[in-house]
C-alpha atoms as a PDB file:
ATOM      1  CA  MET A   1     114.175 128.142  90.448  1.00  0.00           C
ATOM      2  CA  SER A   2     116.253 129.482  87.594  1.00  0.00           C
ATOM      3  CA  PRO A   3     118.296 127.045  85.494  1.00  0.00           C
ATOM      4  CA  GLN A   4     121.576 128.235  87.010  1.00  0.00           C
ATOM      5  CA  LEU A   5     120.315 127.700  90.582  1.00  0.00           C
ATOM      6  CA  THR A   6     118.932 124.273  89.658  1.00  0.00           C
ATOM      7  CA  ARG A   7     122.310 123.281  88.244  1.00  0.00           C
ATOM      8  CA  ALA A   8     124.123 124.598  91.310  1.00  0.00           C
ATOM      9  CA  GLY A   9     121.766 122.614  93.537  1.00  0.00           C
ATOM     10  CA  GLU A  10     122.486 119.447  91.586  1.00  0.00           C
ATOM     11  CA  TRP A  11     126.196 120.116  92.066  1.00  0.00           C
ATOM     12  CA  PHE A  12     125.710 120.231  95.822  1.00  0.00           C
ATOM     13  CA  LEU A  13     123.800 116.942  95.727  1.00  0.00           C
ATOM     14  CA  GLY A  14     125.841 115.000  93.218  1.00  0.00           C
ATOM     15  CA  SER A  15     129.364 116.337  92.820  1.00  0.00           C
ATOM     16  CA  GLY A  16     130.858 114.403  95.717  1.00  0.00           C
ATOM     17  CA  ILE A  17     131.684 117.567  97.644  1.00  0.00           C
ATOM     18  CA  GLN A  18     129.745 116.083 100.566  1.00  0.00           C
ATOM     19  CA  GLU A  19     131.383 113.090 102.213  1.00  0.00           C
ATOM     20  CA  ASN A  20     129.548 110.012 103.447  1.00  0.00           C
ATOM     21  CA  THR A  21     129.808 111.357 106.999  1.00  0.00           C
ATOM     22  CA  GLY A  22     127.606 114.306 106.050  1.00  0.00           C
ATOM     23  CA  GLY A  23     130.539 116.713 106.349  1.00  0.00           C
ATOM     24  CA  VAL A  24     131.321 118.946 103.388  1.00  0.00           C
ATOM     25  CA  ALA A  25     134.797 119.460 101.942  1.00  0.00           C
ATOM     26  CA  ARG A  26     136.393 122.873 101.688  1.00  0.00           C
ATOM     27  CA  TYR A  27     137.191 122.472  97.979  1.00  0.00           C
ATOM     28  CA  ARG A  28     136.914 119.948  95.208  1.00  0.00           C
ATOM     29  CA  ARG A  29     139.871 119.718  92.853  1.00  0.00           C
ATOM     30  CA  THR A  30     138.418 119.889  89.377  1.00  0.00           C
ATOM     31  CA  ASP A  31     141.601 118.468  87.810  1.00  0.00           C
ATOM     32  CA  THR A  32     141.816 115.357  90.004  1.00  0.00           C
ATOM     33  CA  GLY A  33     138.226 114.991  91.228  1.00  0.00           C
ATOM     34  CA  ARG A  34     139.470 114.817  94.822  1.00  0.00           C
ATOM     35  CA  ASN A  35     138.214 116.703  97.855  1.00  0.00           C
ATOM     36  CA  LEU A  36     140.194 118.692 100.353  1.00  0.00           C
ATOM     37  CA  PRO A  37     139.409 117.901 104.013  1.00  0.00           C
ATOM     38  CA  VAL A  38     136.008 118.547 105.572  1.00  0.00           C
ATOM     39  CA  SER A  39     135.589 121.644 107.729  1.00  0.00           C
ATOM     40  CA  THR A  40     132.731 122.607 110.000  1.00  0.00           C
ATOM     41  CA  GLU A  41     132.570 126.108 108.506  1.00  0.00           C
ATOM     42  CA  ILE A  42     132.035 124.837 104.973  1.00  0.00           C
ATOM     43  CA  THR A  43     129.550 122.274 106.256  1.00  0.00           C
ATOM     44  CA  GLY A  44     127.674 125.148 107.905  1.00  0.00           C
ATOM     45  CA  TYR A  45     127.611 127.066 104.645  1.00  0.00           C
ATOM     46  CA  ALA A  46     126.332 123.985 102.813  1.00  0.00           C
ATOM     47  CA  LEU A  47     123.613 123.614 105.430  1.00  0.00           C
ATOM     48  CA  SER A  48     122.472 127.191 104.795  1.00  0.00           C
ATOM     49  CA  ALA A  49     122.586 126.511 101.059  1.00  0.00           C
ATOM     50  CA  TYR A  50     120.421 123.401 101.397  1.00  0.00           C
ATOM     51  CA  ALA A  51     117.899 125.374 103.465  1.00  0.00           C
ATOM     52  CA  TYR A  52     117.740 128.066 100.778  1.00  0.00           C
ATOM     53  CA  LEU A  53     117.449 125.505  97.971  1.00  0.00           C
ATOM     54  CA  HIS A  54     114.675 123.688  99.814  1.00  0.00           C
ATOM     55  CA  GLU A  55     112.770 126.915 100.418  1.00  0.00           C
ATOM     56  CA  ARG A  56     113.038 127.830  96.743  1.00  0.00           C
ATOM     57  CA  SER A  57     112.221 124.407  95.298  1.00  0.00           C
ATOM     58  CA  GLY A  58     110.340 122.341  97.884  1.00  0.00           C
ATOM     59  CA  ASP A  59     112.452 119.391  96.681  1.00  0.00           C
ATOM     60  CA  ALA A  60     112.553 116.685  99.360  1.00  0.00           C
ATOM     61  CA  ARG A  61     116.135 115.834  98.444  1.00  0.00           C
ATOM     62  CA  TYR A  62     117.265 119.105  99.965  1.00  0.00           C
ATOM     63  CA  LEU A  63     115.392 118.355 103.171  1.00  0.00           C
ATOM     64  CA  GLU A  64     117.193 115.018 103.337  1.00  0.00           C
ATOM     65  CA  ALA A  65     120.481 116.826 102.745  1.00  0.00           C
ATOM     66  CA  ILE A  66     119.664 119.260 105.569  1.00  0.00           C
ATOM     67  CA  GLU A  67     119.156 116.379 107.966  1.00  0.00           C
ATOM     68  CA  ARG A  68     122.323 114.527 106.895  1.00  0.00           C
ATOM     69  CA  THR A  69     124.471 117.666 107.055  1.00  0.00           C
ATOM     70  CA  ALA A  70     123.061 118.852 110.378  1.00  0.00           C
ATOM     71  CA  ARG A  71     123.678 115.459 111.987  1.00  0.00           C
ATOM     72  CA  PHE A  72     127.364 115.726 111.167  1.00  0.00           C
ATOM     73  CA  LEU A  73     127.553 119.061 112.982  1.00  0.00           C
ATOM     74  CA  THR A  74     125.410 118.135 115.983  1.00  0.00           C
ATOM     75  CA  ARG A  75     126.527 114.545 116.553  1.00  0.00           C
ATOM     76  CA  GLN A  76     130.071 114.310 115.204  1.00  0.00           C
ATOM     77  CA  ALA A  77     131.609 117.778 115.232  1.00  0.00           C
ATOM     78  CA  TRP A  78     130.011 119.309 118.338  1.00  0.00           C
ATOM     79  CA  ASP A  79     131.909 118.427 121.527  1.00  0.00           C
ATOM     80  CA  VAL A  80     129.108 118.584 124.053  1.00  0.00           C
ATOM     81  CA  ARG A  81     131.339 118.034 127.095  1.00  0.00           C
ATOM     82  CA  ALA A  82     133.786 120.806 126.259  1.00  0.00           C
ATOM     83  CA  GLY A  83     131.176 123.025 124.606  1.00  0.00           C
ATOM     84  CA  VAL A  84     133.404 123.360 121.524  1.00  0.00           C
ATOM     85  CA  MET A  85     132.801 123.505 117.769  1.00  0.00           C
ATOM     86  CA  PRO A  86     136.195 122.748 116.160  1.00  0.00           C
ATOM     87  CA  PHE A  87     137.466 123.884 112.771  1.00  0.00           C
ATOM     88  CA  GLU A  88     138.059 120.272 111.703  1.00  0.00           C
ATOM     89  CA  THR A  89     137.258 117.033 113.485  1.00  0.00           C
ATOM     90  CA  GLU A  90     140.276 114.966 112.417  1.00  0.00           C
ATOM     91  CA  PRO A  91     142.139 116.254 114.300  1.00  0.00           C
ATOM     92  CA  ALA A  92     140.275 118.846 116.366  1.00  0.00           C
ATOM     93  CA  GLU A  93     143.225 121.191 116.916  1.00  0.00           C
ATOM     94  CA  TYR A  94     141.707 124.640 116.430  1.00  0.00           C
ATOM     95  CA  ALA A  95     138.485 126.595 116.659  1.00  0.00           C
ATOM     96  CA  TYR A  96     137.796 129.783 114.688  1.00  0.00           C
ATOM     97  CA  PHE A  97     135.410 132.482 115.855  1.00  0.00           C
ATOM     98  CA  PHE A  98     134.323 133.103 112.285  1.00  0.00           C
ATOM     99  CA  ASP A  99     133.663 129.450 111.530  1.00  0.00           C
ATOM    100  CA  CYS A 100     131.554 129.000 114.647  1.00  0.00           C
ATOM    101  CA  GLY A 101     129.248 131.805 113.577  1.00  0.00           C
ATOM    102  CA  ILE A 102     128.759 130.244 110.158  1.00  0.00           C
ATOM    103  CA  VAL A 103     127.982 126.881 111.748  1.00  0.00           C
ATOM    104  CA  ALA A 104     125.463 128.447 114.131  1.00  0.00           C
ATOM    105  CA  ARG A 105     123.750 130.294 111.264  1.00  0.00           C
ATOM    106  CA  GLY A 106     123.557 127.082 109.271  1.00  0.00           C
ATOM    107  CA  LEU A 107     122.018 125.231 112.184  1.00  0.00           C
ATOM    108  CA  LEU A 108     119.495 128.037 112.679  1.00  0.00           C
ATOM    109  CA  ALA A 109     118.528 127.827 109.004  1.00  0.00           C
ATOM    110  CA  ALA A 110     118.119 124.062 109.327  1.00  0.00           C
ATOM    111  CA  TRP A 111     116.074 124.451 112.515  1.00  0.00           C
ATOM    112  CA  ARG A 112     113.715 126.852 110.761  1.00  0.00           C
ATOM    113  CA  ALA A 113     113.317 124.338 107.929  1.00  0.00           C
ATOM    114  CA  THR A 114     112.759 121.274 110.134  1.00  0.00           C
ATOM    115  CA  GLY A 115     111.683 122.472 113.578  1.00  0.00           C
ATOM    116  CA  GLU A 116     114.103 119.998 115.198  1.00  0.00           C
ATOM    117  CA  ARG A 117     115.061 121.206 118.672  1.00  0.00           C
ATOM    118  CA  GLU A 118     118.452 119.483 118.582  1.00  0.00           C
ATOM    119  CA  LEU A 119     119.592 121.870 115.875  1.00  0.00           C
ATOM    120  CA  LEU A 120     118.588 124.939 117.851  1.00  0.00           C
ATOM    121  CA  ASP A 121     120.253 123.558 120.981  1.00  0.00           C
ATOM    122  CA  VAL A 122     123.614 123.098 119.261  1.00  0.00           C
ATOM    123  CA  ALA A 123     123.291 126.500 117.588  1.00  0.00           C
ATOM    124  CA  ILE A 124     122.768 128.017 121.048  1.00  0.00           C
ATOM    125  CA  GLY A 125     125.703 126.029 122.433  1.00  0.00           C
ATOM    126  CA  THR A 126     127.946 127.228 119.615  1.00  0.00           C
ATOM    127  CA  GLY A 127     126.850 130.822 120.180  1.00  0.00           C
ATOM    128  CA  GLU A 128     127.626 130.499 123.876  1.00  0.00           C
ATOM    129  CA  PHE A 129     131.056 129.022 123.035  1.00  0.00           C
ATOM    130  CA  MET A 130     131.708 132.160 120.989  1.00  0.00           C
ATOM    131  CA  LEU A 131     130.600 134.371 123.885  1.00  0.00           C
ATOM    132  CA  ARG A 132     132.499 132.525 126.556  1.00  0.00           C
ATOM    133  CA  ASP A 133     135.818 131.478 125.068  1.00  0.00           C
ATOM    134  CA  PHE A 134     136.635 133.932 122.257  1.00  0.00           C
ATOM    135  CA  ALA A 135     136.293 137.127 124.307  1.00  0.00           C
ATOM    136  CA  GLY A 136     139.501 139.180 124.230  1.00  0.00           C
ATOM    137  CA  ALA A 137     140.868 141.370 126.971  1.00  0.00           C
ATOM    138  CA  GLN A 138     140.316 144.488 124.833  1.00  0.00           C
ATOM    139  CA  GLY A 139     136.656 143.692 124.232  1.00  0.00           C
ATOM    140  CA  ASP A 140     137.336 142.141 120.839  1.00  0.00           C
ATOM    141  CA  CYS A 141     137.019 138.525 119.672  1.00  0.00           C
ATOM    142  CA  HIS A 142     140.036 136.238 119.392  1.00  0.00           C
ATOM    143  CA  PRO A 143     140.110 134.864 115.841  1.00  0.00           C
ATOM    144  CA  VAL A 144     141.555 131.416 116.635  1.00  0.00           C
ATOM    145  CA  LEU A 145     141.814 129.186 119.698  1.00  0.00           C
ATOM    146  CA  ALA A 146     144.049 126.160 120.151  1.00  0.00           C
ATOM    147  CA  LEU A 147     142.279 123.034 121.353  1.00  0.00           C
ATOM    148  CA  PRO A 148     141.799 121.559 123.854  1.00  0.00           C
ATOM    149  CA  SER A 149     143.377 124.361 125.901  1.00  0.00           C
ATOM    150  CA  LYS A 150     141.240 127.123 124.287  1.00  0.00           C
ATOM    151  CA  ALA A 151     144.301 129.377 124.406  1.00  0.00           C
ATOM    152  CA  PRO A 152     144.220 132.135 121.760  1.00  0.00           C
ATOM    153  CA  LEU A 153     146.737 131.836 118.931  1.00  0.00           C
ATOM    154  CA  GLU A 154     149.051 134.717 118.089  1.00  0.00           C
ATOM    155  CA  ARG A 155     147.421 137.093 115.624  1.00  0.00           C
ATOM    156  CA  ASP A 156     148.807 137.850 112.179  1.00  0.00           C
ATOM    157  CA  PRO A 157     147.717 141.244 110.764  1.00  0.00           C
ATOM    158  CA  LEU A 158     148.565 140.183 107.195  1.00  0.00           C
ATOM    159  CA  ARG A 159     146.251 137.160 107.328  1.00  0.00           C
ATOM    160  CA  TRP A 160     142.683 138.310 107.784  1.00  0.00           C
ATOM    161  CA  SER A 161     141.516 134.936 109.137  1.00  0.00           C
ATOM    162  CA  ARG A 162     144.188 135.135 111.846  1.00  0.00           C
ATOM    163  CA  SER A 163     143.341 138.672 112.933  1.00  0.00           C
ATOM    164  CA  THR A 164     140.353 140.449 114.389  1.00  0.00           C
ATOM    165  CA  GLY A 165     138.454 142.883 112.205  1.00  0.00           C
ATOM    166  CA  CYS A 166     135.248 144.078 110.622  1.00  0.00           C
ATOM    167  CA  TYR A 167     134.839 140.819 108.691  1.00  0.00           C
ATOM    168  CA  GLN A 168     133.868 139.144 111.984  1.00  0.00           C
ATOM    169  CA  LEU A 169     130.520 140.956 111.806  1.00  0.00           C
ATOM    170  CA  LYS A 170     129.224 138.249 109.431  1.00  0.00           C
ATOM    171  CA  SER A 171     129.911 135.639 112.090  1.00  0.00           C
ATOM    172  CA  ALA A 172     128.331 137.839 114.761  1.00  0.00           C
ATOM    173  CA  MET A 173     125.114 137.676 112.730  1.00  0.00           C
ATOM    174  CA  ALA A 174     124.720 134.270 114.371  1.00  0.00           C
ATOM    175  CA  TRP A 175     124.252 136.078 117.681  1.00  0.00           C
ATOM    176  CA  TRP A 176     121.572 138.253 116.109  1.00  0.00           C
ATOM    177  CA  GLY A 177     119.814 135.163 114.778  1.00  0.00           C
ATOM    178  CA  LEU A 178     120.032 133.507 118.179  1.00  0.00           C
ATOM    179  CA  PHE A 179     118.566 136.625 119.794  1.00  0.00           C
ATOM    180  CA  GLU A 180     115.646 136.470 117.361  1.00  0.00           C
ATOM    181  CA  ALA A 181     115.173 132.736 118.021  1.00  0.00           C
ATOM    182  CA  THR A 182     115.485 132.799 121.809  1.00  0.00           C
ATOM    183  CA  GLY A 183     114.954 136.364 123.010  1.00  0.00           C
ATOM    184  CA  ASP A 184     118.210 136.068 124.995  1.00  0.00           C
ATOM    185  CA  ASP A 185     119.514 139.634 125.218  1.00  0.00           C
ATOM    186  CA  ARG A 186     123.112 138.476 125.693  1.00  0.00           C
ATOM    187  CA  PHE A 187     123.198 137.572 122.031  1.00  0.00           C
ATOM    188  CA  ARG A 188     121.807 140.920 120.893  1.00  0.00           C
ATOM    189  CA  ALA A 189     124.340 142.793 123.010  1.00  0.00           C
ATOM    190  CA  ALA A 190     127.187 140.669 121.667  1.00  0.00           C
ATOM    191  CA  TYR A 191     126.237 141.344 118.050  1.00  0.00           C
ATOM    192  CA  GLU A 192     125.985 145.059 118.761  1.00  0.00           C
ATOM    193  CA  GLY A 193     129.417 145.049 120.391  1.00  0.00           C
ATOM    194  CA  VAL A 194     131.012 143.643 117.233  1.00  0.00           C
ATOM    195  CA  LEU A 195     128.925 146.049 115.157  1.00  0.00           C
ATOM    196  CA  GLU A 196     130.260 149.085 117.042  1.00  0.00           C
ATOM    197  CA  ALA A 197     133.861 147.908 116.670  1.00  0.00           C
ATOM    198  CA  SER A 198     133.348 147.209 112.969  1.00  0.00           C
ATOM    199  CA  LEU A 199     131.812 150.601 112.266  1.00  0.00           C
ATOM    200  CA  ALA A 200     134.823 152.217 113.912  1.00  0.00           C
ATOM    201  CA  THR A 201     137.435 150.281 111.906  1.00  0.00           C
ATOM    202  CA  TYR A 202     136.058 149.161 108.527  1.00  0.00           C
ATOM    203  CA  ARG A 203     137.755 151.916 106.547  1.00  0.00           C
ATOM    204  CA  GLU A 204     141.123 150.503 107.648  1.00  0.00           C
ATOM    205  CA  PHE A 205     140.507 146.998 106.285  1.00  0.00           C
ATOM    206  CA  LEU A 206     141.264 147.627 102.590  1.00  0.00           C
ATOM    207  CA  PRO A 207     143.686 147.397 100.955  1.00  0.00           C
ATOM    208  CA  GLY A 208     145.441 145.982 104.026  1.00  0.00           C
ATOM    209  CA  HIS A 209     148.229 144.209 102.118  1.00  0.00           C
ATOM    210  CA  ARG A 210     151.053 145.194  99.779  1.00  0.00           C
ATOM    211  CA  ASP A 211     150.316 142.284  97.429  1.00  0.00           C
ATOM    212  CA  ARG A 212     147.458 143.239  95.098  1.00  0.00           C
ATOM    213  CA  LEU A 213     146.337 139.618  94.776  1.00  0.00           C
ATOM    214  CA  LYS A 214     146.050 139.362  98.558  1.00  0.00           C
ATOM    215  CA  VAL A 215     143.831 142.440  98.434  1.00  0.00           C
ATOM    216  CA  MET A 216     141.349 140.387  96.403  1.00  0.00           C
ATOM    217  CA  ASP A 217     141.283 137.859  99.243  1.00  0.00           C
ATOM    218  CA  ARG A 218     140.681 140.665 101.726  1.00  0.00           C
ATOM    219  CA  LEU A 219     137.956 142.010  99.447  1.00  0.00           C
ATOM    220  CA  HIS A 220     136.127 138.722  99.930  1.00  0.00           C
ATOM    221  CA  ALA A 221     136.457 139.205 103.694  1.00  0.00           C
ATOM    222  CA  PHE A 222     135.264 142.812 103.424  1.00  0.00           C
ATOM    223  CA  GLY A 223     132.103 141.429 101.817  1.00  0.00           C
ATOM    224  CA  TYR A 224     131.430 139.710 105.123  1.00  0.00           C
ATOM    225  CA  PHE A 225     131.370 143.105 106.813  1.00  0.00           C
ATOM    226  CA  LEU A 226     128.808 144.372 104.309  1.00  0.00           C
ATOM    227  CA  GLU A 227     126.624 141.327 104.963  1.00  0.00           C
ATOM    228  CA  GLY A 228     127.026 141.667 108.712  1.00  0.00           C
ATOM    229  CA  LEU A 229     125.506 145.152 108.617  1.00  0.00           C
ATOM    230  CA  LEU A 230     122.210 143.902 107.228  1.00  0.00           C
ATOM    231  CA  PRO A 231     120.344 143.118 110.489  1.00  0.00           C
ATOM    232  CA  ARG A 232     120.531 146.804 111.434  1.00  0.00           C
ATOM    233  CA  VAL A 233     120.719 148.572 108.093  1.00  0.00           C
ATOM    234  CA  ALA A 234     117.036 149.538 108.053  1.00  0.00           C
ATOM    235  CA  SER A 235     117.021 150.832 111.642  1.00  0.00           C
ATOM    236  CA  ASP A 236     120.449 152.437 112.101  1.00  0.00           C
ATOM    237  CA  PRO A 237     121.463 155.245 109.702  1.00  0.00           C
ATOM    238  CA  ARG A 238     125.118 154.579 110.457  1.00  0.00           C
ATOM    239  CA  CYS A 239     124.778 151.045 109.096  1.00  0.00           C
ATOM    240  CA  ALA A 240     122.987 152.277 105.996  1.00  0.00           C
ATOM    241  CA  ALA A 241     125.734 154.823 105.358  1.00  0.00           C
ATOM    242  CA  ALA A 242     128.484 152.270 105.942  1.00  0.00           C
ATOM    243  CA  LEU A 243     126.817 149.814 103.576  1.00  0.00           C
ATOM    244  CA  ALA A 244     126.534 152.435 100.840  1.00  0.00           C
ATOM    245  CA  GLU A 245     130.139 153.548 101.299  1.00  0.00           C
ATOM    246  CA  GLY A 246     131.391 149.985 101.604  1.00  0.00           C
ATOM    247  CA  ILE A 247     129.777 148.980  98.316  1.00  0.00           C
ATOM    248  CA  GLU A 248     131.652 151.772  96.553  1.00  0.00           C
ATOM    249  CA  ILE A 249     134.935 150.816  98.217  1.00  0.00           C
ATOM    250  CA  ALA A 250     134.500 147.155  97.283  1.00  0.00           C
ATOM    251  CA  ALA A 251     133.482 147.925  93.698  1.00  0.00           C
ATOM    252  CA  ARG A 252     136.528 150.117  93.170  1.00  0.00           C
ATOM    253  CA  HIS A 253     138.965 147.440  94.343  1.00  0.00           C
ATOM    254  CA  LEU A 254     137.156 144.667  92.482  1.00  0.00           C
ATOM    255  CA  ARG A 255     137.272 146.421  89.117  1.00  0.00           C
ATOM    256  CA  ASP A 256     140.911 147.338  89.643  1.00  0.00           C
ATOM    257  CA  ILE A 257     142.199 143.857  90.518  1.00  0.00           C
ATOM    258  CA  ALA A 258     139.817 141.509  88.673  1.00  0.00           C
ATOM    259  CA  PRO A 259     141.742 141.553  85.358  1.00  0.00           C
ATOM    260  CA  GLU A 260     144.681 139.985  87.234  1.00  0.00           C
ATOM    261  CA  PHE A 261     142.856 137.828  89.798  1.00  0.00           C
ATOM    262  CA  ALA A 262     139.116 137.503  90.309  1.00  0.00           C
ATOM    263  CA  ARG A 263     137.246 135.504  92.939  1.00  0.00           C
ATOM    264  CA  SER A 264     133.673 134.517  92.198  1.00  0.00           C
ATOM    265  CA  ASP A 265     132.673 134.936  95.842  1.00  0.00           C
ATOM    266  CA  ALA A 266     133.845 138.564  95.848  1.00  0.00           C
ATOM    267  CA  PHE A 267     131.654 139.325  92.818  1.00  0.00           C
ATOM    268  CA  ALA A 268     128.716 137.513  94.428  1.00  0.00           C
ATOM    269  CA  GLN A 269     129.043 139.249  97.785  1.00  0.00           C
ATOM    270  CA  LEU A 270     129.167 142.670  96.186  1.00  0.00           C
ATOM    271  CA  LEU A 271     126.125 141.947  94.031  1.00  0.00           C
ATOM    272  CA  ARG A 272     124.124 140.628  96.984  1.00  0.00           C
ATOM    273  CA  ALA A 273     125.085 143.670  99.045  1.00  0.00           C
ATOM    274  CA  ARG A 274     123.861 145.978  96.271  1.00  0.00           C
ATOM    275  CA  LEU A 275     120.513 144.218  96.097  1.00  0.00           C
ATOM    276  CA  TYR A 276     119.946 144.222  99.858  1.00  0.00           C
ATOM    277  CA  ALA A 277     121.009 147.879 100.090  1.00  0.00           C
ATOM    278  CA  ASP A 278     118.495 148.784  97.410  1.00  0.00           C
ATOM    279  CA  CYS A 279     115.694 146.867  99.155  1.00  0.00           C
ATOM    280  CA  ALA A 280     116.498 148.552 102.481  1.00  0.00           C
ATOM    281  CA  GLY A 281     116.694 152.025 100.976  1.00  0.00           C
ATOM    282  CA  ALA A 282     120.345 152.364 101.969  1.00  0.00           C
ATOM    283  CA  ALA A 283     121.654 152.881  98.429  1.00  0.00           C
ATOM    284  CA  PRO A 284     119.755 152.918  95.145  1.00  0.00           C
ATOM    285  CA  LEU A 285     120.789 150.119  92.828  1.00  0.00           C
ATOM    286  CA  ASP A 286     123.456 151.060  90.315  1.00  0.00           C
ATOM    287  CA  ARG A 287     121.914 148.989  87.550  1.00  0.00           C
ATOM    288  CA  ALA A 288     124.824 149.248  85.144  1.00  0.00           C
ATOM    289  CA  ALA A 289     127.300 148.100  87.794  1.00  0.00           C
ATOM    290  CA  ALA A 290     125.008 145.297  88.967  1.00  0.00           C
ATOM    291  CA  GLU A 291     124.503 144.039  85.422  1.00  0.00           C
ATOM    292  CA  TRP A 292     128.245 144.036  84.776  1.00  0.00           C
ATOM    293  CA  GLU A 293     128.895 142.137  88.011  1.00  0.00           C
ATOM    294  CA  ALA A 294     126.152 139.631  87.192  1.00  0.00           C
ATOM    295  CA  ARG A 295     127.580 139.004  83.716  1.00  0.00           C
ATOM    296  CA  GLN A 296     131.043 138.500  85.119  1.00  0.00           C
ATOM    297  CA  LEU A 297     129.719 136.185  87.809  1.00  0.00           C
ATOM    298  CA  ALA A 298     127.720 134.029  85.406  1.00  0.00           C
ATOM    299  CA  GLU A 299     130.938 133.179  83.556  1.00  0.00           C
ATOM    300  CA  PHE A 300     132.209 131.340  86.632  1.00  0.00           C
ATOM    301  CA  GLN A 301     129.591 128.550  86.441  1.00  0.00           C
ATOM    302  CA  ALA A 302     131.178 125.331  85.226  1.00  0.00           C
ATOM    303  CA  ALA A 303     129.555 122.656  83.088  1.00  0.00           C
ATOM    304  CA  ASP A 304     128.708 120.519  86.146  1.00  0.00           C
ATOM    305  CA  GLY A 305     126.792 123.378  87.814  1.00  0.00           C
ATOM    306  CA  GLY A 306     129.397 124.329  90.381  1.00  0.00           C
ATOM    307  CA  TYR A 307     131.195 127.665  90.303  1.00  0.00           C
ATOM    308  CA  TRP A 308     134.900 128.082  89.794  1.00  0.00           C
ATOM    309  CA  PHE A 309     136.629 129.596  92.809  1.00  0.00           C
ATOM    310  CA  GLY A 310     138.682 132.036  90.790  1.00  0.00           C
ATOM    311  CA  ARG A 311     140.423 133.116  87.629  1.00  0.00           C
ATOM    312  CA  LYS A 312     144.046 134.244  87.497  1.00  0.00           C
ATOM    313  CA  GLY A 313     145.789 135.497  84.394  1.00  0.00           C
ATOM    314  CA  GLY A 314     142.764 134.515  82.324  1.00  0.00           C
ATOM    315  CA  GLU A 315     142.907 130.865  83.487  1.00  0.00           C
ATOM    316  CA  TRP A 316     140.450 129.125  85.792  1.00  0.00           C
ATOM    317  CA  LEU A 317     141.980 127.912  89.035  1.00  0.00           C
ATOM    318  CA  PRO A 318     141.292 124.147  89.399  1.00  0.00           C
ATOM    319  CA  PHE A 319     138.945 124.433  92.373  1.00  0.00           C
ATOM    320  CA  ALA A 320     135.205 124.486  92.938  1.00  0.00           C
ATOM    321  CA  ASN A 321     133.912 125.046  96.429  1.00  0.00           C
ATOM    322  CA  PRO A 322     130.600 125.255  98.268  1.00  0.00           C
ATOM    323  CA  VAL A 323     131.048 128.897  99.298  1.00  0.00           C
ATOM    324  CA  SER A 324     131.720 130.154  95.779  1.00  0.00           C
ATOM    325  CA  THR A 325     128.873 128.058  94.388  1.00  0.00           C
ATOM    326  CA  ALA A 326     126.351 129.035  97.060  1.00  0.00           C
ATOM    327  CA  PHE A 327     127.178 132.754  97.023  1.00  0.00           C
ATOM    328  CA  ALA A 328     127.233 133.000  93.236  1.00  0.00           C
ATOM    329  CA  ALA A 329     124.064 131.005  92.653  1.00  0.00           C
ATOM    330  CA  GLN A 330     122.180 132.977  95.301  1.00  0.00           C
ATOM    331  CA  ALA A 331     123.401 136.360  94.020  1.00  0.00           C
ATOM    332  CA  LEU A 332     122.278 135.593  90.474  1.00  0.00           C
ATOM    333  CA  GLU A 333     118.934 134.295  91.748  1.00  0.00           C
ATOM    334  CA  PHE A 334     118.445 137.487  93.756  1.00  0.00           C
ATOM    335  CA  ARG A 335     119.221 139.505  90.621  1.00  0.00           C
ATOM    336  CA  GLN A 336     116.293 137.850  88.865  1.00  0.00           C
ATOM    337  CA  GLY A 337     113.711 137.581  91.625  1.00  0.00           C
ATOM    338  CA  GLY A 338     114.719 139.863  94.484  1.00  0.00           C
ATOM    339  CA  ALA A 339     116.648 139.293  97.694  1.00  0.00           C
ATOM    340  CA  ALA A 340     115.467 136.579 100.071  1.00  0.00           C
ATOM    341  CA  PRO A 341     114.581 137.206 103.731  1.00  0.00           C
ATOM    342  CA  LEU A 342     117.747 137.825 105.704  1.00  0.00           C
ATOM    343  CA  HIS A 343     117.630 134.505 107.558  1.00  0.00           C
ATOM    344  CA  LEU A 344     118.069 132.775 104.171  1.00  0.00           C
ATOM    345  CA  LEU A 345     121.237 134.695 103.283  1.00  0.00           C
ATOM    346  CA  ILE A 346     123.941 132.069 102.912  1.00  0.00           C
END
């Protein structure tokens, strides 16, 4: 592993971002050293990160972290009676479609690393929860459900996480992974349904807000659409074309807004998308742009190995989080050694 990835891995293991329960906090305040609450989504991302770090290093500490993190999701978060994966466990008031997909992908990554059937079973259960309870009347996916009723919350078009959209394709990748793991065609069909809707609407997603700084947040979400295309980019010319176009759209917005507000995850997602697109033959790598993005991204790594969430007005925002750290560390590793197999994409 490169030095930057080694340092990022040590941050995951030793920063305190992971609680004693095995759950992983959404952010760590770098000014106070305190964590924000644990969420299942961020725990799922951390699980995928541990699987990637273990594959790259063979370090047994990451295998131990996989087991500890997975147990939180399968034995504390997962409500087996209701068939529900909540957003948070204390209290379990909401469930997000997007979060469930990230959890299922994390559990699949952990199952591939360990072979433990329990992890696959809960991944399947979470995927079925997404199929069963998030289905909208118009064939779309409700973004948020209230618990325990499972009633959909009112959507908010100005908040991407509270609306349906092309970003949900990243979460639907869990269905593709479950199809590959089980052969269950329901999961393939579900992924393809979200894919078709996303291909029809992705050009409408950006800018999507009057506030330029909010556009940077939506740019991060648009990166999820680019990632969600990857299972089909080599076999469907429409996906290849959308990936190539989407990279140009994202790059244009990123360069425009970054001097005012830059998110490390947005840089990382764009760089990863470029590298996967090049490998798949969807878009030749713009080396000058990729090098610039990599240089910018490297500046976000803090002294403790984690990555700053963002920079506004030239000042670092006092947050480090697992998503920013995992995305950034993986993007820079890909830049040096090539993109990993898709199932290892965090």
